Structures are given as C-alpha cells and as structure tokens.
Amino acid sequence: MEDVWTCIDPEKMSDYAYFDSLWFNIYTNENDKSNVLRWIKAKKIFTRRYVFVPIVGWGHWSVLVLCNFGETKYLGTEKGPRMLLLDSLKTTKPTRLRAAINRFVVDILKNEEREELEQFINEVELEIPEVPQQSGDDCGIYVLYFIYCFLVIEEMGEDLSKLDALFDPEELKNLEDIRNDIHAYREKRDAKIAE
C-alpha cells in the first residue's frame, strides 16, 4: 500500500486517506470497536475526497471507497457522499457485506456526531459497480489497482461518472505492472527467508 501511496501528487495528498486492512475486520468482530472508531476519527475522513477501506472476508479482498463524505451540502446528488464497494470477484457475493458496511458507516457518523446522520442514512446507499474481474487469486492486487486508479486517473470525473476508466486498456497495463512488482517483492522476500 505504501508503494501505491507514493504515486499521489504531494499537493493532493490531503484529499486521500486509507484505513489499516485489519480495522473493518476488528470492527465487525466487535473486538475493539471503540478503538477502531477512535482511529478512524483521527483520519479526519470528512475532510477527504476519497477514503479507502480494505475489507478482508472469506479469504477474499475487496475495497470500500468512501467518496466526498464531507460534501453533505450535495447529499442526494452525484457530487455528494457515495459509498462504492469494488470487488474483483463477484462470485463472492459482495452484497452480503451491505449490512455490515451500513452499520460501520452509521457508527462512524455517530462517533463524529454528524448533524446530517439521518439524511445521510436515507440518501447514501452502497453501490457495487462493475469493475475488472480477476481470474486467479489476485484479489489483493486488484484492491491495490483500484486504489491506484482513484489516486491517478483524473478522467473518472468529480462525480465518478466515468468510473469505467478502470477498464481503459492503458490503465489495465498498470494492473500488470502492479502484479509484477508484487510478485517480484514476494520472490525476493521468500529468497531472503530461505537464506
């Protein structure tokens, strides 16, 4: 994740945040919910354009993207707050995460004492758009690719009307680059462990 983060234009760094990949799982298991909500509050997500929430469940990775959560004056419009669940393996039935994600977001809003809580709950629904699908066990790589796209593809538009930029053949080359970098890293790590 740190490597993907380096591709952000330093002037736009404050537009983005990401959660630790364990936070959602810790939250859903009720192990340490109050700490997770405190950690999230420190991320100041209502000042960010995009917040990335990696989700690991059933041996599979997907990513929740919280978009424009601070733009509550645009509630109910395409420029307003949105929740996108990007899943590279639809056969895992990502809709089964809907209730847990909704509880998660409601608890974040309550913890932040947001005035527009009720309106937010009524108007911001989880969207599960079509995204490139994996053919192997590369779900984690796809999560990094999706995050990378949000960080560098300006063509998606402020209202995300061009989310299909994720399918652009030129951008899909970056997916291969990310995959190759990760596999090279794994090989080096494994070789070092074997020494």
N, C-alpha and C. Protein backbone atom coordinates (compact mmCIF):
# COMPACT_ATOMS: atom_id res chain seq x y z
N MET A 1 0.82 -1.19 0.00
CA MET A 1 0.00 0.00 0.00
C MET A 1 0.87 1.26 0.00
N GLU A 2 1.94 1.20 0.75
CA GLU A 2 2.82 2.37 0.82
C GLU A 2 3.37 2.72 -0.56
N ASP A 3 3.71 1.71 -1.37
CA ASP A 3 4.22 1.98 -2.72
C ASP A 3 3.16 2.65 -3.58
N VAL A 4 1.92 2.20 -3.50
CA VAL A 4 0.84 2.82 -4.27
C VAL A 4 0.66 4.26 -3.82
N TRP A 5 0.79 4.50 -2.54
CA TRP A 5 0.60 5.84 -1.98
C TRP A 5 1.62 6.83 -2.52
N THR A 6 2.79 6.37 -2.94
CA THR A 6 3.83 7.27 -3.43
C THR A 6 3.48 7.90 -4.77
N CYS A 7 2.46 7.37 -5.47
CA CYS A 7 2.10 7.93 -6.77
C CYS A 7 1.21 9.17 -6.66
N ILE A 8 0.83 9.55 -5.45
CA ILE A 8 -0.04 10.71 -5.26
C ILE A 8 0.76 11.99 -5.44
N ASP A 9 0.17 12.93 -6.17
CA ASP A 9 0.73 14.27 -6.27
C ASP A 9 0.75 14.85 -4.85
N PRO A 10 1.93 15.26 -4.36
CA PRO A 10 2.03 15.77 -2.97
C PRO A 10 1.03 16.88 -2.65
N GLU A 11 0.65 17.68 -3.66
CA GLU A 11 -0.30 18.76 -3.42
C GLU A 11 -1.71 18.22 -3.16
N LYS A 12 -1.97 16.97 -3.58
CA LYS A 12 -3.30 16.38 -3.40
C LYS A 12 -3.35 15.35 -2.28
N MET A 13 -2.24 15.16 -1.59
CA MET A 13 -2.13 14.12 -0.56
C MET A 13 -3.25 14.23 0.48
N SER A 14 -3.62 15.43 0.85
CA SER A 14 -4.63 15.60 1.90
C SER A 14 -6.04 15.23 1.43
N ASP A 15 -6.22 14.96 0.15
CA ASP A 15 -7.53 14.55 -0.38
C ASP A 15 -7.83 13.08 -0.09
N TYR A 16 -6.82 12.31 0.33
CA TYR A 16 -6.97 10.86 0.43
C TYR A 16 -6.57 10.35 1.82
N ALA A 17 -7.18 9.24 2.17
CA ALA A 17 -6.78 8.53 3.39
C ALA A 17 -7.10 7.05 3.17
N TYR A 18 -6.44 6.20 3.92
CA TYR A 18 -6.78 4.78 3.88
C TYR A 18 -6.73 4.23 5.28
N PHE A 19 -7.53 3.20 5.50
CA PHE A 19 -7.58 2.52 6.79
C PHE A 19 -6.68 1.31 6.74
N ASP A 20 -6.20 0.92 7.89
CA ASP A 20 -5.47 -0.33 8.02
C ASP A 20 -6.38 -1.46 7.57
N SER A 21 -5.82 -2.45 6.92
CA SER A 21 -6.63 -3.54 6.38
C SER A 21 -7.28 -4.40 7.46
N LEU A 22 -6.89 -4.25 8.70
CA LEU A 22 -7.50 -5.03 9.78
C LEU A 22 -8.68 -4.32 10.44
N TRP A 23 -8.81 -3.01 10.25
CA TRP A 23 -9.79 -2.24 11.01
C TRP A 23 -11.22 -2.71 10.79
N PHE A 24 -11.62 -2.94 9.54
CA PHE A 24 -13.00 -3.35 9.29
C PHE A 24 -13.28 -4.69 9.94
N ASN A 25 -12.34 -5.60 9.83
CA ASN A 25 -12.50 -6.92 10.44
C ASN A 25 -12.59 -6.82 11.96
N ILE A 26 -11.73 -6.01 12.56
CA ILE A 26 -11.79 -5.81 14.01
C ILE A 26 -13.15 -5.23 14.40
N TYR A 27 -13.60 -4.24 13.64
CA TYR A 27 -14.89 -3.61 13.90
C TYR A 27 -16.03 -4.64 13.83
N THR A 28 -16.07 -5.44 12.79
CA THR A 28 -17.18 -6.39 12.63
C THR A 28 -17.15 -7.50 13.66
N ASN A 29 -15.99 -7.80 14.18
CA ASN A 29 -15.91 -8.83 15.22
C ASN A 29 -16.18 -8.28 16.61
N GLU A 30 -16.44 -6.98 16.68
CA GLU A 30 -16.78 -6.32 17.95
C GLU A 30 -15.65 -6.40 18.98
N ASN A 31 -14.46 -6.83 18.56
CA ASN A 31 -13.35 -6.99 19.50
C ASN A 31 -12.94 -5.67 20.14
N ASP A 32 -12.83 -4.66 19.33
CA ASP A 32 -12.30 -3.40 19.80
C ASP A 32 -12.93 -2.24 19.03
N LYS A 33 -14.24 -2.28 18.91
CA LYS A 33 -15.00 -1.32 18.10
C LYS A 33 -14.68 0.13 18.47
N SER A 34 -14.63 0.44 19.76
CA SER A 34 -14.40 1.83 20.18
C SER A 34 -13.02 2.33 19.75
N ASN A 35 -12.03 1.45 19.80
CA ASN A 35 -10.69 1.86 19.34
C ASN A 35 -10.68 2.10 17.84
N VAL A 36 -11.33 1.22 17.09
CA VAL A 36 -11.38 1.40 15.63
C VAL A 36 -12.03 2.73 15.31
N LEU A 37 -13.14 3.05 15.95
CA LEU A 37 -13.81 4.33 15.69
C LEU A 37 -12.94 5.52 16.09
N ARG A 38 -12.15 5.37 17.14
CA ARG A 38 -11.22 6.43 17.54
C ARG A 38 -10.11 6.59 16.49
N TRP A 39 -9.60 5.47 15.99
CA TRP A 39 -8.56 5.53 14.96
C TRP A 39 -9.10 6.20 13.70
N ILE A 40 -10.33 5.87 13.35
CA ILE A 40 -10.95 6.45 12.16
C ILE A 40 -11.14 7.96 12.35
N LYS A 41 -11.57 8.36 13.52
CA LYS A 41 -11.76 9.79 13.78
C LYS A 41 -10.46 10.56 13.55
N ALA A 42 -9.35 9.96 13.91
CA ALA A 42 -8.04 10.61 13.71
C ALA A 42 -7.71 10.79 12.23
N LYS A 43 -8.33 10.02 11.36
CA LYS A 43 -8.08 10.13 9.92
C LYS A 43 -8.80 11.32 9.28
N LYS A 44 -9.73 11.93 10.02
CA LYS A 44 -10.45 13.12 9.53
C LYS A 44 -11.08 12.86 8.15
N ILE A 45 -11.87 11.81 8.08
CA ILE A 45 -12.40 11.39 6.78
C ILE A 45 -13.36 12.40 6.17
N PHE A 46 -13.94 13.27 6.96
CA PHE A 46 -14.88 14.23 6.41
C PHE A 46 -14.19 15.41 5.74
N THR A 47 -12.87 15.40 5.74
CA THR A 47 -12.10 16.42 5.01
C THR A 47 -11.45 15.81 3.78
N ARG A 48 -11.70 14.55 3.49
CA ARG A 48 -11.03 13.84 2.39
C ARG A 48 -11.98 13.63 1.21
N ARG A 49 -11.40 13.62 0.04
CA ARG A 49 -12.19 13.31 -1.16
C ARG A 49 -12.48 11.82 -1.24
N TYR A 50 -11.44 11.00 -1.01
CA TYR A 50 -11.61 9.56 -1.04
C TYR A 50 -10.94 8.92 0.18
N VAL A 51 -11.65 7.97 0.78
CA VAL A 51 -11.10 7.19 1.88
C VAL A 51 -11.23 5.72 1.48
N PHE A 52 -10.12 5.00 1.55
CA PHE A 52 -10.09 3.60 1.11
C PHE A 52 -10.11 2.68 2.32
N VAL A 53 -11.05 1.75 2.30
CA VAL A 53 -11.24 0.81 3.41
C VAL A 53 -11.06 -0.60 2.87
N PRO A 54 -9.87 -1.17 2.98
CA PRO A 54 -9.69 -2.57 2.55
C PRO A 54 -10.54 -3.49 3.43
N ILE A 55 -11.20 -4.44 2.79
CA ILE A 55 -12.03 -5.40 3.52
C ILE A 55 -11.56 -6.80 3.18
N VAL A 56 -11.29 -7.57 4.22
CA VAL A 56 -10.87 -8.96 4.05
C VAL A 56 -11.94 -9.84 4.68
N GLY A 57 -12.50 -10.72 3.89
CA GLY A 57 -13.52 -11.63 4.42
C GLY A 57 -13.65 -12.85 3.55
N TRP A 58 -13.82 -13.99 4.18
CA TRP A 58 -13.99 -15.24 3.45
C TRP A 58 -12.80 -15.52 2.52
N GLY A 59 -11.62 -15.13 2.96
CA GLY A 59 -10.41 -15.37 2.18
C GLY A 59 -10.30 -14.50 0.94
N HIS A 60 -11.00 -13.37 0.92
CA HIS A 60 -11.05 -12.52 -0.27
C HIS A 60 -10.94 -11.05 0.13
N TRP A 61 -10.26 -10.27 -0.71
CA TRP A 61 -10.09 -8.84 -0.50
C TRP A 61 -11.01 -8.06 -1.43
N SER A 62 -11.60 -7.00 -0.91
CA SER A 62 -12.30 -6.00 -1.72
C SER A 62 -11.99 -4.66 -1.07
N VAL A 63 -12.45 -3.58 -1.68
CA VAL A 63 -12.18 -2.26 -1.10
C VAL A 63 -13.45 -1.41 -1.13
N LEU A 64 -13.74 -0.81 0.00
CA LEU A 64 -14.82 0.15 0.11
C LEU A 64 -14.21 1.53 -0.08
N VAL A 65 -14.80 2.33 -0.96
CA VAL A 65 -14.32 3.69 -1.18
C VAL A 65 -15.40 4.65 -0.68
N LEU A 66 -15.05 5.43 0.32
CA LEU A 66 -15.94 6.46 0.83
C LEU A 66 -15.60 7.74 0.09
N CYS A 67 -16.54 8.22 -0.70
CA CYS A 67 -16.29 9.36 -1.58
C CYS A 67 -16.99 10.61 -1.07
N ASN A 68 -16.26 11.68 -0.99
CA ASN A 68 -16.83 13.01 -0.70
C ASN A 68 -17.68 13.03 0.56
N PHE A 69 -17.27 12.37 1.62
CA PHE A 69 -18.10 12.31 2.82
C PHE A 69 -18.28 13.68 3.48
N GLY A 70 -17.41 14.61 3.19
CA GLY A 70 -17.57 15.95 3.76
C GLY A 70 -18.48 16.84 2.95
N GLU A 71 -18.91 16.39 1.78
CA GLU A 71 -19.73 17.21 0.88
C GLU A 71 -21.22 17.01 1.15
N THR A 72 -21.63 17.18 2.37
CA THR A 72 -23.03 16.90 2.71
C THR A 72 -24.00 17.91 2.11
N LYS A 73 -23.51 19.08 1.70
CA LYS A 73 -24.43 20.04 1.06
C LYS A 73 -24.90 19.50 -0.29
N TYR A 74 -24.19 18.49 -0.81
CA TYR A 74 -24.57 17.86 -2.07
C TYR A 74 -25.26 16.52 -1.87
N LEU A 75 -25.73 16.24 -0.66
CA LEU A 75 -26.41 14.97 -0.40
C LEU A 75 -27.49 14.74 -1.45
N GLY A 76 -27.54 13.51 -1.96
CA GLY A 76 -28.56 13.17 -2.95
C GLY A 76 -28.17 13.51 -4.37
N THR A 77 -26.97 14.07 -4.58
CA THR A 77 -26.51 14.37 -5.94
C THR A 77 -25.28 13.52 -6.24
N GLU A 78 -24.88 13.51 -7.49
CA GLU A 78 -23.71 12.73 -7.90
C GLU A 78 -22.42 13.27 -7.28
N LYS A 79 -22.40 14.56 -6.92
CA LYS A 79 -21.19 15.14 -6.31
C LYS A 79 -21.15 14.89 -4.81
N GLY A 80 -22.24 14.43 -4.26
CA GLY A 80 -22.33 14.23 -2.82
C GLY A 80 -21.66 12.96 -2.36
N PRO A 81 -21.81 12.66 -1.08
CA PRO A 81 -21.20 11.46 -0.50
C PRO A 81 -21.69 10.19 -1.19
N ARG A 82 -20.75 9.28 -1.40
CA ARG A 82 -21.08 7.99 -2.02
C ARG A 82 -20.24 6.91 -1.37
N MET A 83 -20.75 5.69 -1.41
CA MET A 83 -20.01 4.52 -0.91
C MET A 83 -19.95 3.52 -2.06
N LEU A 84 -18.74 3.19 -2.48
CA LEU A 84 -18.54 2.23 -3.56
C LEU A 84 -17.81 1.02 -3.03
N LEU A 85 -18.35 -0.16 -3.27
CA LEU A 85 -17.65 -1.39 -2.93
C LEU A 85 -17.13 -1.97 -4.23
N LEU A 86 -15.80 -2.01 -4.35
CA LEU A 86 -15.16 -2.52 -5.56
C LEU A 86 -14.68 -3.93 -5.28
N ASP A 87 -15.22 -4.88 -6.02
CA ASP A 87 -14.95 -6.28 -5.78
C ASP A 87 -14.59 -6.96 -7.10
N SER A 88 -13.41 -7.53 -7.15
CA SER A 88 -12.92 -8.16 -8.38
C SER A 88 -13.38 -9.61 -8.54
N LEU A 89 -14.24 -10.07 -7.65
CA LEU A 89 -14.72 -11.45 -7.72
C LEU A 89 -16.17 -11.48 -7.27
N LYS A 90 -17.06 -11.11 -8.18
CA LYS A 90 -18.48 -11.01 -7.83
C LYS A 90 -19.06 -12.32 -7.32
N THR A 91 -18.42 -13.43 -7.64
CA THR A 91 -18.95 -14.72 -7.18
C THR A 91 -18.89 -14.86 -5.67
N THR A 92 -18.18 -13.95 -4.98
CA THR A 92 -18.13 -14.00 -3.51
C THR A 92 -19.35 -13.32 -2.91
N LYS A 93 -20.23 -12.83 -3.76
CA LYS A 93 -21.47 -12.16 -3.32
C LYS A 93 -21.19 -10.97 -2.41
N PRO A 94 -20.63 -9.90 -2.97
CA PRO A 94 -20.29 -8.74 -2.16
C PRO A 94 -21.50 -8.09 -1.49
N THR A 95 -22.71 -8.34 -1.98
CA THR A 95 -23.89 -7.74 -1.35
C THR A 95 -24.07 -8.21 0.09
N ARG A 96 -23.47 -9.34 0.45
CA ARG A 96 -23.61 -9.81 1.83
C ARG A 96 -22.86 -8.91 2.82
N LEU A 97 -22.04 -8.00 2.31
CA LEU A 97 -21.34 -7.03 3.17
C LEU A 97 -22.17 -5.78 3.45
N ARG A 98 -23.27 -5.63 2.72
CA ARG A 98 -24.06 -4.39 2.78
C ARG A 98 -24.44 -4.00 4.22
N ALA A 99 -25.02 -4.91 4.99
CA ALA A 99 -25.47 -4.59 6.35
C ALA A 99 -24.29 -4.19 7.24
N ALA A 100 -23.19 -4.93 7.16
CA ALA A 100 -22.02 -4.61 8.00
C ALA A 100 -21.43 -3.25 7.61
N ILE A 101 -21.38 -2.96 6.32
CA ILE A 101 -20.85 -1.67 5.87
C ILE A 101 -21.77 -0.54 6.33
N ASN A 102 -23.07 -0.73 6.21
CA ASN A 102 -24.01 0.32 6.65
C ASN A 102 -23.88 0.58 8.14
N ARG A 103 -23.76 -0.47 8.96
CA ARG A 103 -23.56 -0.29 10.41
C ARG A 103 -22.26 0.46 10.68
N PHE A 104 -21.21 0.07 9.96
CA PHE A 104 -19.89 0.68 10.09
C PHE A 104 -19.98 2.19 9.84
N VAL A 105 -20.62 2.57 8.74
CA VAL A 105 -20.72 3.99 8.38
C VAL A 105 -21.61 4.74 9.37
N VAL A 106 -22.71 4.14 9.80
CA VAL A 106 -23.57 4.79 10.79
C VAL A 106 -22.80 5.02 12.09
N ASP A 107 -22.03 4.03 12.52
CA ASP A 107 -21.24 4.20 13.75
C ASP A 107 -20.17 5.28 13.59
N ILE A 108 -19.59 5.37 12.41
CA ILE A 108 -18.62 6.45 12.16
C ILE A 108 -19.31 7.80 12.27
N LEU A 109 -20.47 7.92 11.64
CA LEU A 109 -21.22 9.19 11.68
C LEU A 109 -21.62 9.55 13.11
N LYS A 110 -22.09 8.56 13.87
CA LYS A 110 -22.46 8.81 15.27
C LYS A 110 -21.24 9.22 16.09
N ASN A 111 -20.14 8.52 15.89
CA ASN A 111 -18.91 8.83 16.62
C ASN A 111 -18.41 10.24 16.32
N GLU A 112 -18.63 10.68 15.09
CA GLU A 112 -18.21 12.03 14.68
C GLU A 112 -19.26 13.08 15.05
N GLU A 113 -20.41 12.61 15.58
CA GLU A 113 -21.51 13.49 15.96
C GLU A 113 -21.94 14.38 14.80
N ARG A 114 -22.13 13.74 13.65
CA ARG A 114 -22.54 14.46 12.45
C ARG A 114 -24.03 14.79 12.51
N GLU A 115 -24.37 16.05 12.26
CA GLU A 115 -25.75 16.51 12.33
C GLU A 115 -26.63 15.87 11.26
N GLU A 116 -26.05 15.57 10.11
CA GLU A 116 -26.84 15.08 8.98
C GLU A 116 -26.98 13.56 8.98
N LEU A 117 -26.82 12.93 10.12
CA LEU A 117 -26.84 11.47 10.22
C LEU A 117 -28.08 10.87 9.56
N GLU A 118 -29.26 11.33 9.92
CA GLU A 118 -30.49 10.74 9.41
C GLU A 118 -30.60 10.90 7.89
N GLN A 119 -30.31 12.10 7.41
CA GLN A 119 -30.37 12.35 5.97
C GLN A 119 -29.34 11.50 5.25
N PHE A 120 -28.16 11.38 5.82
CA PHE A 120 -27.09 10.58 5.24
C PHE A 120 -27.55 9.12 5.09
N ILE A 121 -28.12 8.59 6.15
CA ILE A 121 -28.57 7.19 6.14
C ILE A 121 -29.63 6.97 5.06
N ASN A 122 -30.51 7.94 4.88
CA ASN A 122 -31.60 7.80 3.91
C ASN A 122 -31.16 8.00 2.46
N GLU A 123 -30.08 8.75 2.24
CA GLU A 123 -29.73 9.13 0.87
C GLU A 123 -28.45 8.51 0.31
N VAL A 124 -27.60 7.96 1.15
CA VAL A 124 -26.33 7.43 0.66
C VAL A 124 -26.39 5.91 0.75
N GLU A 125 -26.51 5.27 -0.39
CA GLU A 125 -26.59 3.81 -0.43
C GLU A 125 -25.29 3.22 -0.95
N LEU A 126 -25.02 2.01 -0.54
CA LEU A 126 -23.84 1.31 -1.02
C LEU A 126 -24.04 0.94 -2.49
N GLU A 127 -23.07 1.33 -3.30
CA GLU A 127 -23.09 1.00 -4.73
C GLU A 127 -22.03 -0.07 -4.98
N ILE A 128 -22.36 -1.02 -5.84
CA ILE A 128 -21.39 -2.07 -6.21
C ILE A 128 -21.27 -2.04 -7.73
N PRO A 129 -20.41 -1.14 -8.24
CA PRO A 129 -20.27 -1.01 -9.69
C PRO A 129 -19.53 -2.19 -10.31
N GLU A 130 -19.71 -2.33 -11.61
CA GLU A 130 -18.96 -3.33 -12.37
C GLU A 130 -17.51 -2.87 -12.47
N VAL A 131 -16.59 -3.74 -12.13
CA VAL A 131 -15.16 -3.44 -12.22
C VAL A 131 -14.45 -4.64 -12.85
N PRO A 132 -13.20 -4.47 -13.28
CA PRO A 132 -12.47 -5.61 -13.84
C PRO A 132 -12.50 -6.79 -12.87
N GLN A 133 -12.65 -7.98 -13.42
CA GLN A 133 -12.75 -9.19 -12.61
C GLN A 133 -11.48 -10.02 -12.73
N GLN A 134 -11.09 -10.61 -11.62
CA GLN A 134 -9.89 -11.44 -11.58
C GLN A 134 -10.18 -12.83 -12.12
N SER A 135 -9.10 -13.51 -12.53
CA SER A 135 -9.26 -14.88 -13.00
C SER A 135 -8.47 -15.86 -12.13
N GLY A 136 -7.78 -15.35 -11.13
CA GLY A 136 -7.00 -16.22 -10.26
C GLY A 136 -7.17 -15.80 -8.82
N ASP A 137 -6.07 -15.82 -8.09
CA ASP A 137 -6.14 -15.45 -6.67
C ASP A 137 -5.48 -14.09 -6.40
N ASP A 138 -5.71 -13.15 -7.30
CA ASP A 138 -5.06 -11.84 -7.23
C ASP A 138 -5.94 -10.75 -6.63
N CYS A 139 -6.88 -11.09 -5.77
CA CYS A 139 -7.82 -10.08 -5.26
C CYS A 139 -7.10 -8.92 -4.57
N GLY A 140 -6.05 -9.20 -3.82
CA GLY A 140 -5.30 -8.14 -3.16
C GLY A 140 -4.65 -7.20 -4.15
N ILE A 141 -4.17 -7.75 -5.24
CA ILE A 141 -3.57 -6.94 -6.30
C ILE A 141 -4.62 -6.05 -6.95
N TYR A 142 -5.82 -6.60 -7.14
CA TYR A 142 -6.90 -5.79 -7.71
C TYR A 142 -7.28 -4.65 -6.75
N VAL A 143 -7.30 -4.90 -5.46
CA VAL A 143 -7.59 -3.84 -4.49
C VAL A 143 -6.56 -2.72 -4.65
N LEU A 144 -5.30 -3.06 -4.74
CA LEU A 144 -4.26 -2.04 -4.94
C LEU A 144 -4.45 -1.31 -6.26
N TYR A 145 -4.83 -2.04 -7.30
CA TYR A 145 -5.08 -1.43 -8.61
C TYR A 145 -6.25 -0.44 -8.53
N PHE A 146 -7.33 -0.83 -7.89
CA PHE A 146 -8.48 0.07 -7.78
C PHE A 146 -8.09 1.35 -7.03
N ILE A 147 -7.36 1.21 -5.96
CA ILE A 147 -6.91 2.38 -5.20
C ILE A 147 -6.00 3.24 -6.07
N TYR A 148 -5.07 2.60 -6.76
CA TYR A 148 -4.16 3.31 -7.66
C TYR A 148 -4.97 4.15 -8.67
N CYS A 149 -6.00 3.55 -9.25
CA CYS A 149 -6.81 4.26 -10.24
C CYS A 149 -7.43 5.52 -9.65
N PHE A 150 -7.97 5.42 -8.44
CA PHE A 150 -8.56 6.60 -7.81
C PHE A 150 -7.50 7.68 -7.54
N LEU A 151 -6.28 7.26 -7.30
CA LEU A 151 -5.23 8.21 -6.99
C LEU A 151 -4.69 8.93 -8.21
N VAL A 152 -4.71 8.28 -9.37
CA VAL A 152 -4.04 8.87 -10.52
C VAL A 152 -4.92 9.14 -11.73
N ILE A 153 -6.09 8.56 -11.84
CA ILE A 153 -6.90 8.75 -13.04
C ILE A 153 -7.83 9.95 -12.85
N GLU A 154 -7.49 11.03 -13.49
CA GLU A 154 -8.32 12.24 -13.40
C GLU A 154 -9.60 12.09 -14.22
N GLU A 155 -9.59 11.22 -15.22
CA GLU A 155 -10.73 11.09 -16.12
C GLU A 155 -11.99 10.52 -15.46
N MET A 156 -11.87 10.01 -14.23
CA MET A 156 -13.06 9.45 -13.58
C MET A 156 -14.07 10.55 -13.29
N GLY A 157 -13.63 11.77 -13.22
CA GLY A 157 -14.53 12.89 -13.02
C GLY A 157 -14.87 13.10 -11.55
N GLU A 158 -15.21 14.33 -11.25
CA GLU A 158 -15.54 14.69 -9.87
C GLU A 158 -16.74 13.91 -9.36
N ASP A 159 -17.68 13.61 -10.26
CA ASP A 159 -18.89 12.88 -9.87
C ASP A 159 -18.78 11.38 -10.13
N LEU A 160 -17.58 10.91 -10.49
CA LEU A 160 -17.31 9.50 -10.79
C LEU A 160 -18.14 8.98 -11.95
N SER A 161 -18.59 9.87 -12.81
CA SER A 161 -19.42 9.46 -13.94
C SER A 161 -18.64 8.63 -14.95
N LYS A 162 -17.33 8.70 -14.86
CA LYS A 162 -16.50 7.94 -15.80
C LYS A 162 -15.72 6.86 -15.06
N LEU A 163 -16.40 6.17 -14.16
CA LEU A 163 -15.78 5.10 -13.39
C LEU A 163 -15.27 4.00 -14.31
N ASP A 164 -15.83 3.95 -15.53
CA ASP A 164 -15.37 2.94 -16.48
C ASP A 164 -13.93 3.17 -16.94
N ALA A 165 -13.30 4.27 -16.49
CA ALA A 165 -11.87 4.48 -16.78
C ALA A 165 -11.06 3.33 -16.20
N LEU A 166 -11.60 2.63 -15.21
CA LEU A 166 -10.94 1.45 -14.64
C LEU A 166 -10.72 0.38 -15.70
N PHE A 167 -11.53 0.40 -16.76
CA PHE A 167 -11.44 -0.62 -17.81
C PHE A 167 -10.54 -0.20 -18.97
N ASP A 168 -10.04 1.02 -18.94
CA ASP A 168 -9.21 1.52 -20.03
C ASP A 168 -8.01 0.61 -20.24
N PRO A 169 -7.79 0.13 -21.48
CA PRO A 169 -6.66 -0.77 -21.73
C PRO A 169 -5.32 -0.20 -21.30
N GLU A 170 -5.15 1.11 -21.42
CA GLU A 170 -3.90 1.73 -20.98
C GLU A 170 -3.74 1.61 -19.47
N GLU A 171 -4.82 1.82 -18.73
CA GLU A 171 -4.76 1.71 -17.28
C GLU A 171 -4.60 0.26 -16.84
N LEU A 172 -5.20 -0.66 -17.57
CA LEU A 172 -5.07 -2.07 -17.21
C LEU A 172 -3.62 -2.54 -17.31
N LYS A 173 -2.81 -1.85 -18.11
CA LYS A 173 -1.37 -2.16 -18.14
C LYS A 173 -0.76 -1.93 -16.77
N ASN A 174 -1.27 -0.92 -16.06
CA ASN A 174 -0.78 -0.64 -14.71
C ASN A 174 -1.09 -1.78 -13.76
N LEU A 175 -2.21 -2.45 -13.99
CA LEU A 175 -2.55 -3.62 -13.19
C LEU A 175 -1.46 -4.68 -13.34
N GLU A 176 -1.02 -4.89 -14.56
CA GLU A 176 0.06 -5.87 -14.79
C GLU A 176 1.36 -5.43 -14.13
N ASP A 177 1.64 -4.13 -14.19
CA ASP A 177 2.85 -3.61 -13.53
C ASP A 177 2.77 -3.84 -12.02
N ILE A 178 1.61 -3.55 -11.44
CA ILE A 178 1.43 -3.75 -10.00
C ILE A 178 1.58 -5.23 -9.67
N ARG A 179 0.96 -6.09 -10.45
CA ARG A 179 1.05 -7.54 -10.22
C ARG A 179 2.51 -8.00 -10.28
N ASN A 180 3.24 -7.55 -11.31
CA ASN A 180 4.65 -7.94 -11.45
C ASN A 180 5.50 -7.44 -10.30
N ASP A 181 5.25 -6.19 -9.86
CA ASP A 181 6.00 -5.64 -8.72
C ASP A 181 5.76 -6.46 -7.46
N ILE A 182 4.51 -6.83 -7.24
CA ILE A 182 4.18 -7.59 -6.03
C ILE A 182 4.79 -8.99 -6.09
N HIS A 183 4.70 -9.62 -7.25
CA HIS A 183 5.29 -10.96 -7.37
C HIS A 183 6.81 -10.91 -7.21
N ALA A 184 7.46 -9.87 -7.75
CA ALA A 184 8.91 -9.72 -7.59
C ALA A 184 9.26 -9.50 -6.11
N TYR A 185 8.46 -8.70 -5.43
CA TYR A 185 8.67 -8.48 -3.99
C TYR A 185 8.56 -9.79 -3.23
N ARG A 186 7.52 -10.58 -3.54
CA ARG A 186 7.32 -11.87 -2.86
C ARG A 186 8.51 -12.80 -3.08
N GLU A 187 9.00 -12.84 -4.32
CA GLU A 187 10.14 -13.71 -4.63
C GLU A 187 11.37 -13.30 -3.83
N LYS A 188 11.65 -11.99 -3.77
CA LYS A 188 12.79 -11.50 -3.00
C LYS A 188 12.63 -11.83 -1.52
N ARG A 189 11.43 -11.62 -1.00
CA ARG A 189 11.17 -11.90 0.41
C ARG A 189 11.35 -13.39 0.71
N ASP A 190 10.78 -14.24 -0.16
CA ASP A 190 10.90 -15.68 0.04
C ASP A 190 12.35 -16.15 -0.04
N ALA A 191 13.12 -15.56 -0.97
CA ALA A 191 14.52 -15.92 -1.10
C ALA A 191 15.31 -15.50 0.16
N LYS A 192 14.97 -14.35 0.69
CA LYS A 192 15.63 -13.87 1.90
C LYS A 192 15.29 -14.75 3.09
N ILE A 193 14.04 -15.18 3.18
CA ILE A 193 13.62 -16.07 4.28
C ILE A 193 14.32 -17.40 4.16
N ALA A 194 14.49 -17.90 2.94
CA ALA A 194 15.12 -19.21 2.71
C ALA A 194 16.60 -19.21 3.06
N GLU A 195 17.23 -18.03 3.07
CA GLU A 195 18.67 -17.95 3.37
C GLU A 195 18.96 -18.36 4.75
